[in-house]
Amino acid sequence: MQMKRQIEDAFEKAKPVIGGALGGAAVVTIAGFAAGWVVTSGTLKAEVKDARVSALATVCAQEAKAHWLDEGKKLAALDGYTNDKREKLAESFSMSVRDWNLESSVQEHCNEELQEAIDA
């Protein structure tokens, strides 16, 4: 009987410690996800895709711009909010990424980077 009482007393004394540990673990988990310290596999895949698109679009824009200038054309011809020539140029230099299912994203970002190059 005395052993049972000792166990109950030990458990009662440990309740605040156990509660604090569980509460602290919950707070750390919530803060970690909210601050972006914890990365889920879905987030990681999205960030890898964004990094690939960004890198490929930069190369696409550089190559497209160099090609355009090598042909003796002026960048001003690609200016404008919507410009079919710029879109076709971006499309032709983003063709090499079909295997990764990124072509449309790269083309869109390449077009944007070409527009930024013209504005600079």
C-alpha atoms as a PDB file:
ATOM      1  CA  MET A   1       0.000   0.000   0.000  1.00  0.00           C
ATOM      2  CA  GLN A   2       2.828   2.337   0.826  1.00  0.00           C
ATOM      3  CA  MET A   3       4.494   1.625  -2.559  1.00  0.00           C
ATOM      4  CA  LYS A   4       1.302   2.593  -4.390  1.00  0.00           C
ATOM      5  CA  ARG A   5       1.125   5.849  -2.437  1.00  0.00           C
ATOM      6  CA  GLN A   6       4.765   6.661  -3.309  1.00  0.00           C
ATOM      7  CA  ILE A   7       4.084   6.096  -6.998  1.00  0.00           C
ATOM      8  CA  GLU A   8       1.017   8.336  -6.885  1.00  0.00           C
ATOM      9  CA  ASP A   9       2.993  11.062  -5.095  1.00  0.00           C
ATOM     10  CA  ALA A  10       5.815  10.833  -7.652  1.00  0.00           C
ATOM     11  CA  PHE A  11       3.297  11.071 -10.483  1.00  0.00           C
ATOM     12  CA  GLU A  12       1.625  14.139  -8.905  1.00  0.00           C
ATOM     13  CA  LYS A  13       5.023  15.827  -8.553  1.00  0.00           C
ATOM     14  CA  ALA A  14       5.910  15.012 -12.163  1.00  0.00           C
ATOM     15  CA  LYS A  15       2.667  16.390 -13.687  1.00  0.00           C
ATOM     16  CA  PRO A  16       3.919  19.983 -14.025  1.00  0.00           C
ATOM     17  CA  VAL A  17       7.178  18.800 -15.586  1.00  0.00           C
ATOM     18  CA  ILE A  18       5.391  16.537 -18.064  1.00  0.00           C
ATOM     19  CA  GLY A  19       2.859  19.269 -18.874  1.00  0.00           C
ATOM     20  CA  GLY A  20       5.638  21.803 -19.414  1.00  0.00           C
ATOM     21  CA  ALA A  21       7.554  19.440 -21.667  1.00  0.00           C
ATOM     22  CA  LEU A  22       4.496  18.705 -23.806  1.00  0.00           C
ATOM     23  CA  GLY A  23       3.525  22.382 -23.965  1.00  0.00           C
ATOM     24  CA  GLY A  24       7.073  23.386 -24.876  1.00  0.00           C
ATOM     25  CA  ALA A  25       7.240  20.754 -27.599  1.00  0.00           C
ATOM     26  CA  ALA A  26       3.969  22.043 -29.045  1.00  0.00           C
ATOM     27  CA  VAL A  27       5.184  25.659 -29.010  1.00  0.00           C
ATOM     28  CA  VAL A  28       8.511  24.764 -30.637  1.00  0.00           C
ATOM     29  CA  THR A  29       6.723  22.754 -33.350  1.00  0.00           C
ATOM     30  CA  ILE A  30       4.264  25.536 -34.128  1.00  0.00           C
ATOM     31  CA  ALA A  31       6.984  28.205 -34.107  1.00  0.00           C
ATOM     32  CA  GLY A  32       9.219  26.060 -36.334  1.00  0.00           C
ATOM     33  CA  PHE A  33       6.567  25.645 -39.008  1.00  0.00           C
ATOM     34  CA  ALA A  34       5.387  29.260 -38.770  1.00  0.00           C
ATOM     35  CA  ALA A  35       8.910  30.655 -39.134  1.00  0.00           C
ATOM     36  CA  GLY A  36       9.793  28.338 -41.997  1.00  0.00           C
ATOM     37  CA  TRP A  37      12.497  26.544 -40.016  1.00  0.00           C
ATOM     38  CA  VAL A  38      10.873  23.200 -40.741  1.00  0.00           C
ATOM     39  CA  VAL A  39      10.584  22.259 -44.404  1.00  0.00           C
ATOM     40  CA  THR A  40       8.071  19.692 -45.566  1.00  0.00           C
ATOM     41  CA  SER A  41       8.718  17.579 -48.633  1.00  0.00           C
ATOM     42  CA  GLY A  42       6.083  19.528 -50.585  1.00  0.00           C
ATOM     43  CA  THR A  43       7.720  22.839 -49.713  1.00  0.00           C
ATOM     44  CA  LEU A  44      11.119  21.460 -50.620  1.00  0.00           C
ATOM     45  CA  LYS A  45       9.898  20.287 -54.033  1.00  0.00           C
ATOM     46  CA  ALA A  46       8.322  23.678 -54.729  1.00  0.00           C
ATOM     47  CA  GLU A  47      11.493  25.517 -53.731  1.00  0.00           C
ATOM     48  CA  VAL A  48      13.660  23.230 -55.879  1.00  0.00           C
ATOM     49  CA  LYS A  49      11.328  23.814 -58.843  1.00  0.00           C
ATOM     50  CA  ASP A  50      11.462  27.593 -58.296  1.00  0.00           C
ATOM     51  CA  ALA A  51      15.261  27.485 -58.120  1.00  0.00           C
ATOM     52  CA  ARG A  52      15.460  25.463 -61.340  1.00  0.00           C
ATOM     53  CA  VAL A  53      13.055  27.806 -63.126  1.00  0.00           C
ATOM     54  CA  SER A  54      14.953  30.867 -61.931  1.00  0.00           C
ATOM     55  CA  ALA A  55      18.330  29.513 -63.022  1.00  0.00           C
ATOM     56  CA  LEU A  56      17.070  28.275 -66.386  1.00  0.00           C
ATOM     57  CA  ALA A  57      15.178  31.515 -67.057  1.00  0.00           C
ATOM     58  CA  THR A  58      18.301  33.556 -66.375  1.00  0.00           C
ATOM     59  CA  VAL A  59      20.298  31.470 -68.845  1.00  0.00           C
ATOM     60  CA  CYS A  60      17.433  31.620 -71.350  1.00  0.00           C
ATOM     61  CA  ALA A  61      17.246  35.413 -71.117  1.00  0.00           C
ATOM     62  CA  GLN A  62      21.015  35.836 -71.457  1.00  0.00           C
ATOM     63  CA  GLU A  63      21.188  33.536 -74.473  1.00  0.00           C
ATOM     64  CA  ALA A  64      18.121  35.092 -76.102  1.00  0.00           C
ATOM     65  CA  LYS A  65      19.443  38.618 -75.568  1.00  0.00           C
ATOM     66  CA  ALA A  66      22.868  37.700 -76.960  1.00  0.00           C
ATOM     67  CA  HIS A  67      21.270  36.022 -79.988  1.00  0.00           C
ATOM     68  CA  TRP A  68      19.044  39.032 -80.628  1.00  0.00           C
ATOM     69  CA  LEU A  69      21.968  41.453 -80.454  1.00  0.00           C
ATOM     70  CA  ASP A  70      24.196  39.168 -82.567  1.00  0.00           C
ATOM     71  CA  GLU A  71      21.619  39.435 -85.336  1.00  0.00           C
ATOM     72  CA  GLY A  72      22.143  43.202 -85.257  1.00  0.00           C
ATOM     73  CA  LYS A  73      18.732  43.968 -83.800  1.00  0.00           C
ATOM     74  CA  LYS A  74      18.077  46.539 -81.107  1.00  0.00           C
ATOM     75  CA  LEU A  75      16.641  45.619 -77.694  1.00  0.00           C
ATOM     76  CA  ALA A  76      14.097  48.409 -78.078  1.00  0.00           C
ATOM     77  CA  ALA A  77      12.300  46.235 -80.652  1.00  0.00           C
ATOM     78  CA  LEU A  78      11.427  43.848 -77.811  1.00  0.00           C
ATOM     79  CA  ASP A  79       9.953  46.575 -75.613  1.00  0.00           C
ATOM     80  CA  GLY A  80       6.310  46.723 -74.577  1.00  0.00           C
ATOM     81  CA  TYR A  81       3.966  45.094 -72.093  1.00  0.00           C
ATOM     82  CA  THR A  82       3.048  42.380 -74.585  1.00  0.00           C
ATOM     83  CA  ASN A  83       5.424  41.768 -77.404  1.00  0.00           C
ATOM     84  CA  ASP A  84       5.078  38.770 -79.723  1.00  0.00           C
ATOM     85  CA  LYS A  85       8.727  38.941 -80.818  1.00  0.00           C
ATOM     86  CA  ARG A  86       9.949  38.815 -77.219  1.00  0.00           C
ATOM     87  CA  GLU A  87       7.570  35.976 -76.375  1.00  0.00           C
ATOM     88  CA  LYS A  88       8.700  33.939 -79.404  1.00  0.00           C
ATOM     89  CA  LEU A  89      12.347  34.618 -78.566  1.00  0.00           C
ATOM     90  CA  ALA A  90      11.779  33.424 -74.986  1.00  0.00           C
ATOM     91  CA  GLU A  91       9.910  30.382 -76.292  1.00  0.00           C
ATOM     92  CA  SER A  92      12.689  29.403 -78.694  1.00  0.00           C
ATOM     93  CA  PHE A  93      15.362  29.584 -75.980  1.00  0.00           C
ATOM     94  CA  SER A  94      13.326  27.732 -73.334  1.00  0.00           C
ATOM     95  CA  MET A  95      12.765  24.632 -75.492  1.00  0.00           C
ATOM     96  CA  SER A  96      15.602  22.660 -73.904  1.00  0.00           C
ATOM     97  CA  VAL A  97      13.759  22.055 -70.602  1.00  0.00           C
ATOM     98  CA  ARG A  98      10.857  19.937 -71.814  1.00  0.00           C
ATOM     99  CA  ASP A  99      12.029  16.871 -69.910  1.00  0.00           C
ATOM    100  CA  TRP A 100      11.483  18.533 -66.534  1.00  0.00           C
ATOM    101  CA  ASN A 101       7.958  19.820 -67.245  1.00  0.00           C
ATOM    102  CA  LEU A 102       9.170  23.365 -66.589  1.00  0.00           C
ATOM    103  CA  GLU A 103       8.991  24.775 -70.094  1.00  0.00           C
ATOM    104  CA  SER A 104       6.053  27.154 -69.621  1.00  0.00           C
ATOM    105  CA  SER A 105       7.388  28.465 -66.296  1.00  0.00           C
ATOM    106  CA  VAL A 106      10.854  29.005 -67.729  1.00  0.00           C
ATOM    107  CA  GLN A 107       9.414  30.673 -70.825  1.00  0.00           C
ATOM    108  CA  GLU A 108       7.311  33.024 -68.701  1.00  0.00           C
ATOM    109  CA  HIS A 109      10.232  33.968 -66.446  1.00  0.00           C
ATOM    110  CA  CYS A 110      12.577  34.280 -69.413  1.00  0.00           C
ATOM    111  CA  ASN A 111      10.136  36.694 -71.039  1.00  0.00           C
ATOM    112  CA  GLU A 112      10.001  38.716 -67.802  1.00  0.00           C
ATOM    113  CA  GLU A 113      13.804  38.812 -67.554  1.00  0.00           C
ATOM    114  CA  LEU A 114      14.067  39.968 -71.159  1.00  0.00           C
ATOM    115  CA  GLN A 115      11.605  42.754 -70.352  1.00  0.00           C
ATOM    116  CA  GLU A 116      13.699  43.742 -67.319  1.00  0.00           C
ATOM    117  CA  ALA A 117      16.857  43.737 -69.469  1.00  0.00           C
ATOM    118  CA  ILE A 118      15.206  46.131 -71.887  1.00  0.00           C
ATOM    119  CA  ASP A 119      14.048  48.430 -69.092  1.00  0.00           C
ATOM    120  CA  ALA A 120      17.530  48.511 -67.518  1.00  0.00           C
END
